[in-house]
Amino acid sequence: EALYEGVVDEVTDCAATFSDATVLVNPSLAALKEALSVPRRHLHIAGHAGIDNVGGKLSWIETSAGRLTSRELSEMHIRAQTIVITGCQTARRVIRPGDEWLGMMRAFYAAGAGTIISTFWDVRDESARRFASEFYRIYDGSNAPAATRSASQCLKEWKSHPYFWAGFAVFVRRTNERNHRH
């Protein structure tokens, strides 16, 4: 499907950097949930996503069988150390009274993710593909902030307007804050 052409290229390129990569293109909701629950060092999600600007609890990742919402995600047990999500607006969040923030980022943290690389705004397929390609050229499994900086700089050299390079961000949970679930 033409809609997912850039996503397929991005995921295929990323998977080539890992010998044990599992690639899911436009997965079902069940397949995505299963992929999130399997222990792994790294998980890359490329595709469509959105933010619930009203309540924050219904931000979502698109699958072939519907949406995985941040509400559902926060109830899961994610077993990936590092998650890269190049879906649009996955780093955006809604601040609720009492300074409580809601959205995909909080849901991933609540579910156990340690390091998350995601986007603040809608990104074009070509920007996401270039970001991921450069990120994985530098990424060694423990240097997500440096790899994110390098990938963003590479995008800046490609297109100088911040729209193309400044929307990618890395969030690292300090080890003592990690939510250990059994």
N, C-alpha and C. Protein backbone atom coordinates (compact mmCIF):
# COMPACT_ATOMS: atom_id res chain seq x y z
N GLU A 1 0.84 -1.18 0.00
CA GLU A 1 0.00 0.00 0.00
C GLU A 1 0.89 1.24 0.00
N ALA A 2 0.61 2.20 -0.86
CA ALA A 2 1.44 3.39 -1.02
C ALA A 2 1.56 4.18 0.28
N LEU A 3 0.51 4.17 1.08
CA LEU A 3 0.52 4.90 2.35
C LEU A 3 1.67 4.46 3.24
N TYR A 4 2.04 3.20 3.17
CA TYR A 4 3.06 2.67 4.08
C TYR A 4 4.42 2.47 3.40
N GLU A 5 4.59 2.93 2.16
CA GLU A 5 5.84 2.72 1.44
C GLU A 5 7.05 3.26 2.21
N GLY A 6 6.98 4.50 2.70
CA GLY A 6 8.08 5.08 3.46
C GLY A 6 8.32 4.35 4.76
N VAL A 7 7.26 3.88 5.39
CA VAL A 7 7.38 3.13 6.64
C VAL A 7 8.09 1.80 6.40
N VAL A 8 7.74 1.11 5.33
CA VAL A 8 8.39 -0.17 5.00
C VAL A 8 9.87 0.05 4.76
N ASP A 9 10.23 1.09 4.00
CA ASP A 9 11.64 1.39 3.76
C ASP A 9 12.38 1.66 5.06
N GLU A 10 11.76 2.45 5.93
CA GLU A 10 12.38 2.80 7.20
C GLU A 10 12.63 1.56 8.06
N VAL A 11 11.62 0.72 8.21
CA VAL A 11 11.74 -0.47 9.06
C VAL A 11 12.74 -1.45 8.47
N THR A 12 12.72 -1.63 7.17
CA THR A 12 13.66 -2.55 6.51
C THR A 12 15.10 -2.08 6.71
N ASP A 13 15.34 -0.78 6.53
CA ASP A 13 16.68 -0.23 6.74
C ASP A 13 17.13 -0.42 8.18
N CYS A 14 16.24 -0.16 9.14
CA CYS A 14 16.58 -0.29 10.55
C CYS A 14 16.87 -1.74 10.93
N ALA A 15 16.05 -2.65 10.43
CA ALA A 15 16.21 -4.07 10.76
C ALA A 15 17.55 -4.61 10.28
N ALA A 16 18.08 -4.04 9.21
CA ALA A 16 19.36 -4.51 8.67
C ALA A 16 20.52 -4.30 9.65
N THR A 17 20.34 -3.41 10.63
CA THR A 17 21.42 -3.16 11.60
C THR A 17 21.40 -4.13 12.77
N PHE A 18 20.38 -4.97 12.86
CA PHE A 18 20.26 -5.93 13.96
C PHE A 18 20.16 -7.35 13.39
N SER A 19 21.00 -8.23 13.85
CA SER A 19 20.99 -9.60 13.32
C SER A 19 19.74 -10.38 13.75
N ASP A 20 19.16 -10.03 14.86
CA ASP A 20 18.01 -10.76 15.38
C ASP A 20 16.71 -9.95 15.30
N ALA A 21 16.62 -9.06 14.32
CA ALA A 21 15.46 -8.17 14.21
C ALA A 21 14.21 -8.93 13.80
N THR A 22 13.11 -8.53 14.41
CA THR A 22 11.78 -8.98 14.01
C THR A 22 11.11 -7.78 13.37
N VAL A 23 10.63 -7.94 12.15
CA VAL A 23 10.01 -6.83 11.43
C VAL A 23 8.51 -7.05 11.34
N LEU A 24 7.75 -6.07 11.78
CA LEU A 24 6.30 -6.09 11.66
C LEU A 24 5.90 -4.88 10.83
N VAL A 25 5.30 -5.10 9.68
CA VAL A 25 4.82 -4.01 8.84
C VAL A 25 3.31 -4.00 8.91
N ASN A 26 2.76 -2.88 9.36
CA ASN A 26 1.32 -2.73 9.53
C ASN A 26 0.75 -3.92 10.32
N PRO A 27 1.26 -4.13 11.52
CA PRO A 27 0.83 -5.31 12.29
C PRO A 27 -0.61 -5.19 12.80
N SER A 28 -1.15 -6.33 13.15
CA SER A 28 -2.45 -6.32 13.82
C SER A 28 -2.24 -5.79 15.23
N LEU A 29 -3.31 -5.45 15.88
CA LEU A 29 -3.23 -4.98 17.26
C LEU A 29 -2.62 -6.06 18.16
N ALA A 30 -3.03 -7.30 17.97
CA ALA A 30 -2.51 -8.41 18.77
C ALA A 30 -1.01 -8.60 18.53
N ALA A 31 -0.57 -8.50 17.27
CA ALA A 31 0.85 -8.69 16.95
C ALA A 31 1.69 -7.57 17.57
N LEU A 32 1.19 -6.34 17.54
CA LEU A 32 1.92 -5.23 18.15
C LEU A 32 2.01 -5.41 19.66
N LYS A 33 0.91 -5.78 20.29
CA LYS A 33 0.93 -6.01 21.74
C LYS A 33 1.90 -7.11 22.11
N GLU A 34 1.92 -8.19 21.32
CA GLU A 34 2.86 -9.28 21.59
C GLU A 34 4.30 -8.82 21.43
N ALA A 35 4.58 -8.04 20.38
CA ALA A 35 5.94 -7.53 20.15
C ALA A 35 6.40 -6.66 21.32
N LEU A 36 5.49 -5.90 21.89
CA LEU A 36 5.84 -5.04 23.02
C LEU A 36 6.10 -5.84 24.29
N SER A 37 5.53 -7.03 24.41
CA SER A 37 5.65 -7.80 25.64
C SER A 37 6.85 -8.75 25.65
N VAL A 38 7.49 -8.95 24.52
CA VAL A 38 8.64 -9.87 24.43
C VAL A 38 9.90 -9.15 24.89
N PRO A 39 10.72 -9.79 25.73
CA PRO A 39 11.97 -9.14 26.17
C PRO A 39 12.88 -8.88 24.98
N ARG A 40 13.36 -7.65 24.86
CA ARG A 40 14.30 -7.29 23.80
C ARG A 40 15.01 -6.01 24.21
N ARG A 41 16.18 -5.82 23.67
CA ARG A 41 16.94 -4.61 23.98
C ARG A 41 16.36 -3.40 23.26
N HIS A 42 15.79 -3.64 22.07
CA HIS A 42 15.41 -2.52 21.24
C HIS A 42 14.11 -2.82 20.48
N LEU A 43 13.29 -1.79 20.32
CA LEU A 43 12.06 -1.91 19.54
C LEU A 43 11.89 -0.63 18.74
N HIS A 44 11.65 -0.77 17.43
CA HIS A 44 11.44 0.38 16.56
C HIS A 44 10.02 0.31 16.02
N ILE A 45 9.25 1.36 16.23
CA ILE A 45 7.87 1.43 15.73
C ILE A 45 7.81 2.58 14.72
N ALA A 46 7.52 2.24 13.49
CA ALA A 46 7.36 3.25 12.44
C ALA A 46 5.94 3.15 11.92
N GLY A 47 5.28 4.25 11.81
CA GLY A 47 3.91 4.22 11.32
C GLY A 47 3.14 5.44 11.74
N HIS A 48 1.85 5.32 11.70
CA HIS A 48 0.99 6.46 12.00
C HIS A 48 0.60 6.45 13.48
N ALA A 49 0.57 7.64 14.05
CA ALA A 49 0.18 7.81 15.45
C ALA A 49 -0.46 9.18 15.60
N GLY A 50 -1.09 9.41 16.72
CA GLY A 50 -1.73 10.70 16.95
C GLY A 50 -1.89 10.98 18.43
N ILE A 51 -2.26 12.20 18.72
CA ILE A 51 -2.41 12.63 20.11
C ILE A 51 -3.85 13.03 20.37
N ASP A 52 -4.31 12.70 21.55
CA ASP A 52 -5.62 13.13 22.03
C ASP A 52 -5.40 14.45 22.75
N ASN A 53 -5.73 15.56 22.10
CA ASN A 53 -5.49 16.88 22.68
C ASN A 53 -6.44 17.25 23.81
N VAL A 54 -7.51 16.49 23.97
CA VAL A 54 -8.49 16.81 24.99
C VAL A 54 -8.14 16.17 26.33
N GLY A 55 -8.05 14.85 26.35
CA GLY A 55 -7.82 14.17 27.61
C GLY A 55 -6.48 13.48 27.73
N GLY A 56 -5.79 13.24 26.60
CA GLY A 56 -4.48 12.62 26.63
C GLY A 56 -4.48 11.11 26.73
N LYS A 57 -5.58 10.52 27.20
CA LYS A 57 -5.60 9.07 27.42
C LYS A 57 -5.89 8.28 26.16
N LEU A 58 -6.28 8.96 25.09
CA LEU A 58 -6.61 8.23 23.87
C LEU A 58 -5.64 8.53 22.74
N SER A 59 -4.42 8.99 23.06
CA SER A 59 -3.39 9.08 22.05
C SER A 59 -3.18 7.67 21.54
N TRP A 60 -2.69 7.51 20.30
CA TRP A 60 -2.75 6.19 19.71
C TRP A 60 -1.62 5.91 18.72
N ILE A 61 -1.42 4.62 18.48
CA ILE A 61 -0.57 4.11 17.41
C ILE A 61 -1.50 3.30 16.50
N GLU A 62 -1.45 3.58 15.22
CA GLU A 62 -2.32 2.91 14.25
C GLU A 62 -1.80 1.50 13.95
N THR A 63 -2.72 0.54 13.87
CA THR A 63 -2.40 -0.81 13.43
C THR A 63 -3.40 -1.19 12.34
N SER A 64 -3.17 -2.32 11.69
CA SER A 64 -4.09 -2.74 10.63
C SER A 64 -5.46 -3.11 11.18
N ALA A 65 -5.54 -3.37 12.48
CA ALA A 65 -6.81 -3.79 13.09
C ALA A 65 -7.38 -2.75 14.05
N GLY A 66 -6.88 -1.53 13.97
CA GLY A 66 -7.39 -0.49 14.86
C GLY A 66 -6.25 0.21 15.58
N ARG A 67 -6.60 0.94 16.60
CA ARG A 67 -5.63 1.76 17.32
C ARG A 67 -5.27 1.16 18.66
N LEU A 68 -3.97 1.21 18.97
CA LEU A 68 -3.48 0.88 20.30
C LEU A 68 -3.40 2.21 21.03
N THR A 69 -4.26 2.41 22.02
CA THR A 69 -4.33 3.70 22.71
C THR A 69 -3.33 3.75 23.86
N SER A 70 -3.03 4.97 24.28
CA SER A 70 -2.12 5.14 25.41
C SER A 70 -2.72 4.53 26.68
N ARG A 71 -4.03 4.52 26.78
CA ARG A 71 -4.68 3.89 27.94
C ARG A 71 -4.36 2.39 27.96
N GLU A 72 -4.51 1.72 26.81
CA GLU A 72 -4.20 0.29 26.73
C GLU A 72 -2.71 0.05 26.95
N LEU A 73 -1.90 0.90 26.36
CA LEU A 73 -0.45 0.76 26.46
C LEU A 73 0.02 0.86 27.91
N SER A 74 -0.54 1.79 28.66
CA SER A 74 -0.11 1.98 30.05
C SER A 74 -0.44 0.79 30.94
N GLU A 75 -1.34 -0.06 30.49
CA GLU A 75 -1.71 -1.26 31.26
C GLU A 75 -0.88 -2.48 30.86
N MET A 76 0.00 -2.32 29.89
CA MET A 76 0.84 -3.43 29.42
C MET A 76 2.13 -3.49 30.21
N HIS A 77 2.91 -4.53 29.97
CA HIS A 77 4.24 -4.67 30.54
C HIS A 77 5.22 -4.71 29.37
N ILE A 78 5.82 -3.57 29.06
CA ILE A 78 6.76 -3.49 27.95
C ILE A 78 8.12 -4.00 28.43
N ARG A 79 8.71 -4.84 27.61
CA ARG A 79 9.97 -5.47 28.01
C ARG A 79 11.10 -5.08 27.08
N ALA A 80 11.01 -3.91 26.45
CA ALA A 80 12.09 -3.40 25.60
C ALA A 80 12.82 -2.30 26.36
N GLN A 81 14.15 -2.33 26.29
CA GLN A 81 14.94 -1.31 26.97
C GLN A 81 14.87 0.04 26.27
N THR A 82 14.97 0.02 24.94
CA THR A 82 14.94 1.25 24.16
C THR A 82 13.85 1.13 23.10
N ILE A 83 13.04 2.17 22.99
CA ILE A 83 11.97 2.20 22.00
C ILE A 83 12.14 3.44 21.14
N VAL A 84 12.18 3.23 19.83
CA VAL A 84 12.20 4.33 18.87
C VAL A 84 10.84 4.34 18.20
N ILE A 85 10.14 5.47 18.28
CA ILE A 85 8.81 5.60 17.67
C ILE A 85 8.86 6.82 16.75
N THR A 86 8.80 6.58 15.46
CA THR A 86 8.85 7.70 14.52
C THR A 86 7.46 8.12 14.06
N GLY A 87 6.43 7.61 14.70
CA GLY A 87 5.06 8.04 14.41
C GLY A 87 4.85 9.47 14.85
N CYS A 88 4.00 10.17 14.15
CA CYS A 88 3.77 11.59 14.40
C CYS A 88 3.29 11.89 15.82
N GLN A 89 3.87 12.90 16.42
CA GLN A 89 3.45 13.48 17.70
C GLN A 89 3.51 12.52 18.89
N THR A 90 4.33 11.48 18.83
CA THR A 90 4.36 10.52 19.93
C THR A 90 5.03 11.07 21.19
N ALA A 91 5.78 12.17 21.08
CA ALA A 91 6.37 12.79 22.27
C ALA A 91 5.48 13.88 22.85
N ARG A 92 4.45 14.29 22.12
CA ARG A 92 3.56 15.34 22.62
C ARG A 92 2.73 14.81 23.77
N ARG A 93 2.36 15.71 24.64
CA ARG A 93 1.54 15.30 25.77
C ARG A 93 0.63 16.44 26.18
N VAL A 94 -0.36 16.08 26.92
CA VAL A 94 -1.33 17.03 27.46
C VAL A 94 -1.01 17.19 28.94
N ILE A 95 -0.93 18.42 29.40
CA ILE A 95 -0.69 18.68 30.83
C ILE A 95 -2.05 18.90 31.49
N ARG A 96 -2.35 18.10 32.47
CA ARG A 96 -3.62 18.16 33.18
C ARG A 96 -3.43 18.94 34.49
N PRO A 97 -4.51 19.37 35.10
CA PRO A 97 -4.40 20.06 36.40
C PRO A 97 -3.57 19.22 37.37
N GLY A 98 -2.73 19.88 38.13
CA GLY A 98 -1.85 19.19 39.05
C GLY A 98 -0.54 18.79 38.38
N ASP A 99 -0.28 19.33 37.19
CA ASP A 99 0.94 19.06 36.42
C ASP A 99 1.09 17.62 36.00
N GLU A 100 0.00 16.90 35.88
CA GLU A 100 0.05 15.52 35.41
C GLU A 100 0.03 15.52 33.89
N TRP A 101 1.03 14.88 33.27
CA TRP A 101 1.05 14.84 31.80
C TRP A 101 0.57 13.49 31.31
N LEU A 102 -0.19 13.54 30.24
CA LEU A 102 -0.79 12.34 29.66
C LEU A 102 -0.41 12.26 28.19
N GLY A 103 -0.33 11.05 27.66
CA GLY A 103 -0.02 10.85 26.26
C GLY A 103 0.78 9.56 26.07
N MET A 104 1.31 9.36 24.87
CA MET A 104 2.04 8.13 24.56
C MET A 104 3.29 7.97 25.42
N MET A 105 4.03 9.06 25.64
CA MET A 105 5.27 8.98 26.43
C MET A 105 4.98 8.45 27.84
N ARG A 106 4.00 9.02 28.48
CA ARG A 106 3.67 8.58 29.83
C ARG A 106 3.23 7.11 29.82
N ALA A 107 2.45 6.74 28.81
CA ALA A 107 1.98 5.37 28.70
C ALA A 107 3.16 4.40 28.54
N PHE A 108 4.12 4.75 27.70
CA PHE A 108 5.29 3.89 27.54
C PHE A 108 6.08 3.78 28.84
N TYR A 109 6.26 4.89 29.53
CA TYR A 109 6.96 4.85 30.82
C TYR A 109 6.19 4.02 31.85
N ALA A 110 4.89 4.23 31.92
CA ALA A 110 4.08 3.48 32.88
C ALA A 110 4.14 1.98 32.60
N ALA A 111 4.32 1.62 31.33
CA ALA A 111 4.37 0.21 30.95
C ALA A 111 5.77 -0.38 31.11
N GLY A 112 6.76 0.45 31.46
CA GLY A 112 8.08 -0.07 31.76
C GLY A 112 9.21 0.31 30.84
N ALA A 113 8.98 1.11 29.83
CA ALA A 113 10.06 1.50 28.90
C ALA A 113 11.10 2.34 29.63
N GLY A 114 12.36 2.19 29.22
CA GLY A 114 13.45 2.93 29.85
C GLY A 114 13.88 4.14 29.05
N THR A 115 14.18 3.95 27.77
CA THR A 115 14.61 5.02 26.89
C THR A 115 13.65 5.08 25.71
N ILE A 116 13.18 6.28 25.39
CA ILE A 116 12.23 6.45 24.31
C ILE A 116 12.71 7.57 23.39
N ILE A 117 12.75 7.28 22.11
CA ILE A 117 13.05 8.29 21.10
C ILE A 117 11.75 8.46 20.33
N SER A 118 11.25 9.70 20.25
CA SER A 118 9.96 9.93 19.60
C SER A 118 9.91 11.33 19.01
N THR A 119 8.74 11.72 18.52
CA THR A 119 8.61 12.98 17.79
C THR A 119 7.59 13.91 18.45
N PHE A 120 7.88 15.21 18.37
CA PHE A 120 6.98 16.22 18.92
C PHE A 120 5.88 16.63 17.95
N TRP A 121 6.12 16.48 16.67
CA TRP A 121 5.12 16.90 15.68
C TRP A 121 5.08 15.93 14.52
N ASP A 122 4.19 16.19 13.57
CA ASP A 122 4.08 15.34 12.38
C ASP A 122 5.41 15.38 11.64
N VAL A 123 5.89 14.21 11.24
CA VAL A 123 7.14 14.13 10.49
C VAL A 123 6.87 13.47 9.14
N ARG A 124 7.60 13.89 8.15
CA ARG A 124 7.47 13.30 6.82
C ARG A 124 8.21 11.97 6.79
N ASP A 125 7.74 11.06 5.95
CA ASP A 125 8.36 9.74 5.84
C ASP A 125 9.85 9.84 5.56
N GLU A 126 10.24 10.73 4.66
CA GLU A 126 11.67 10.85 4.30
C GLU A 126 12.50 11.33 5.49
N SER A 127 11.96 12.24 6.28
CA SER A 127 12.68 12.70 7.47
C SER A 127 12.83 11.56 8.47
N ALA A 128 11.77 10.80 8.68
CA ALA A 128 11.82 9.67 9.62
C ALA A 128 12.82 8.62 9.14
N ARG A 129 12.80 8.32 7.85
CA ARG A 129 13.72 7.32 7.32
C ARG A 129 15.17 7.78 7.47
N ARG A 130 15.45 9.03 7.14
CA ARG A 130 16.81 9.55 7.27
C ARG A 130 17.24 9.59 8.74
N PHE A 131 16.33 10.02 9.61
CA PHE A 131 16.65 10.04 11.04
C PHE A 131 17.02 8.64 11.52
N ALA A 132 16.17 7.68 11.21
CA ALA A 132 16.41 6.30 11.67
C ALA A 132 17.70 5.74 11.11
N SER A 133 17.98 6.00 9.85
CA SER A 133 19.20 5.49 9.22
C SER A 133 20.44 6.03 9.93
N GLU A 134 20.46 7.32 10.19
CA GLU A 134 21.62 7.91 10.88
C GLU A 134 21.66 7.49 12.35
N PHE A 135 20.51 7.42 12.99
CA PHE A 135 20.45 6.99 14.39
C PHE A 135 21.11 5.62 14.55
N TYR A 136 20.74 4.68 13.70
CA TYR A 136 21.26 3.32 13.82
C TYR A 136 22.71 3.19 13.34
N ARG A 137 23.18 4.14 12.57
CA ARG A 137 24.59 4.14 12.18
C ARG A 137 25.46 4.43 13.42
N ILE A 138 24.95 5.25 14.33
CA ILE A 138 25.69 5.66 15.53
C ILE A 138 25.33 4.81 16.76
N TYR A 139 24.10 4.39 16.87
CA TYR A 139 23.57 3.72 18.06
C TYR A 139 24.30 2.41 18.35
N ASP A 140 24.76 2.27 19.61
CA ASP A 140 25.46 1.04 20.01
C ASP A 140 24.72 0.28 21.11
N GLY A 141 23.50 0.66 21.37
CA GLY A 141 22.71 0.00 22.40
C GLY A 141 22.69 0.74 23.72
N SER A 142 23.59 1.71 23.88
CA SER A 142 23.63 2.44 25.15
C SER A 142 23.81 3.94 24.97
N ASN A 143 23.86 4.43 23.76
CA ASN A 143 24.13 5.85 23.52
C ASN A 143 23.00 6.57 22.77
N ALA A 144 21.78 6.31 23.16
CA ALA A 144 20.63 6.90 22.47
C ALA A 144 20.69 8.42 22.41
N PRO A 145 21.07 9.14 23.48
CA PRO A 145 21.14 10.60 23.36
C PRO A 145 22.15 11.06 22.30
N ALA A 146 23.33 10.47 22.26
CA ALA A 146 24.33 10.85 21.27
C ALA A 146 23.86 10.49 19.86
N ALA A 147 23.25 9.34 19.70
CA ALA A 147 22.77 8.93 18.39
C ALA A 147 21.62 9.84 17.92
N THR A 148 20.78 10.28 18.84
CA THR A 148 19.69 11.19 18.50
C THR A 148 20.24 12.54 18.06
N ARG A 149 21.22 13.05 18.81
CA ARG A 149 21.86 14.32 18.44
C ARG A 149 22.49 14.23 17.05
N SER A 150 23.22 13.17 16.80
CA SER A 150 23.89 12.98 15.51
C SER A 150 22.87 12.88 14.38
N ALA A 151 21.81 12.12 14.58
CA ALA A 151 20.79 11.96 13.55
C ALA A 151 20.10 13.30 13.27
N SER A 152 19.80 14.06 14.30
CA SER A 152 19.17 15.37 14.12
C SER A 152 20.11 16.32 13.37
N GLN A 153 21.38 16.28 13.70
CA GLN A 153 22.36 17.12 13.00
C GLN A 153 22.45 16.75 11.52
N CYS A 154 22.40 15.47 11.23
CA CYS A 154 22.43 14.99 9.85
C CYS A 154 21.22 15.53 9.08
N LEU A 155 20.05 15.48 9.73
CA LEU A 155 18.84 16.02 9.10
C LEU A 155 18.96 17.53 8.89
N LYS A 156 19.58 18.21 9.84
CA LYS A 156 19.74 19.67 9.73
C LYS A 156 20.62 20.02 8.53
N GLU A 157 21.62 19.19 8.27
CA GLU A 157 22.48 19.42 7.11
C GLU A 157 21.73 19.13 5.80
N TRP A 158 20.79 18.21 5.87
CA TRP A 158 19.97 17.87 4.70
C TRP A 158 18.95 18.96 4.40
N LYS A 159 18.21 19.37 5.43
CA LYS A 159 17.19 20.42 5.33
C LYS A 159 17.36 21.32 6.56
N SER A 160 17.66 22.59 6.33
CA SER A 160 17.98 23.47 7.45
C SER A 160 16.78 23.91 8.28
N HIS A 161 15.58 23.81 7.73
CA HIS A 161 14.40 24.26 8.49
C HIS A 161 14.16 23.30 9.66
N PRO A 162 13.95 23.84 10.87
CA PRO A 162 13.76 22.99 12.06
C PRO A 162 12.62 21.98 11.95
N TYR A 163 11.64 22.24 11.11
CA TYR A 163 10.54 21.28 10.93
C TYR A 163 11.08 19.88 10.61
N PHE A 164 12.15 19.81 9.84
CA PHE A 164 12.66 18.53 9.37
C PHE A 164 13.57 17.82 10.37
N TRP A 165 14.21 18.56 11.29
CA TRP A 165 15.20 17.93 12.17
C TRP A 165 14.96 18.11 13.67
N ALA A 166 14.23 19.12 14.08
CA ALA A 166 14.13 19.44 15.51
C ALA A 166 13.01 18.70 16.23
N GLY A 167 12.20 17.95 15.54
CA GLY A 167 11.06 17.29 16.16
C GLY A 167 11.38 15.97 16.85
N PHE A 168 12.59 15.46 16.66
CA PHE A 168 12.98 14.18 17.26
C PHE A 168 13.63 14.42 18.62
N ALA A 169 13.26 13.62 19.61
CA ALA A 169 13.79 13.82 20.96
C ALA A 169 14.01 12.48 21.64
N VAL A 170 14.92 12.47 22.60
CA VAL A 170 15.19 11.26 23.38
C VAL A 170 14.85 11.54 24.84
N PHE A 171 14.24 10.57 25.48
CA PHE A 171 13.86 10.65 26.89
C PHE A 171 14.41 9.42 27.58
N VAL A 172 15.20 9.62 28.61
CA VAL A 172 15.84 8.51 29.31
C VAL A 172 15.40 8.51 30.77
N ARG A 173 14.86 7.40 31.18
CA ARG A 173 14.45 7.25 32.58
C ARG A 173 15.70 6.90 33.38
N ARG A 174 15.87 7.59 34.49
CA ARG A 174 16.98 7.23 35.38
C ARG A 174 16.72 5.84 35.92
N THR A 175 17.77 5.07 36.07
CA THR A 175 17.67 3.67 36.46
C THR A 175 16.86 3.46 37.73
N ASN A 176 17.05 4.29 38.75
CA ASN A 176 16.34 4.08 40.01
C ASN A 176 14.86 4.42 39.92
N GLU A 177 14.42 5.03 38.81
CA GLU A 177 13.00 5.35 38.64
C GLU A 177 12.26 4.29 37.84
N ARG A 178 12.98 3.34 37.29
CA ARG A 178 12.36 2.34 36.40
C ARG A 178 11.27 1.57 37.15
N ASN A 179 10.16 1.40 36.50
CA ASN A 179 9.03 0.70 37.06
C ASN A 179 9.21 -0.80 36.82
N HIS A 180 9.62 -1.54 37.84
CA HIS A 180 9.83 -2.98 37.69
C HIS A 180 8.54 -3.71 38.01
N ARG A 181 8.02 -4.40 37.02
CA ARG A 181 6.82 -5.20 37.22
C ARG A 181 7.19 -6.66 37.02
N HIS A 182 6.56 -7.52 37.75
CA HIS A 182 6.84 -8.95 37.60
C HIS A 182 5.61 -9.67 37.17
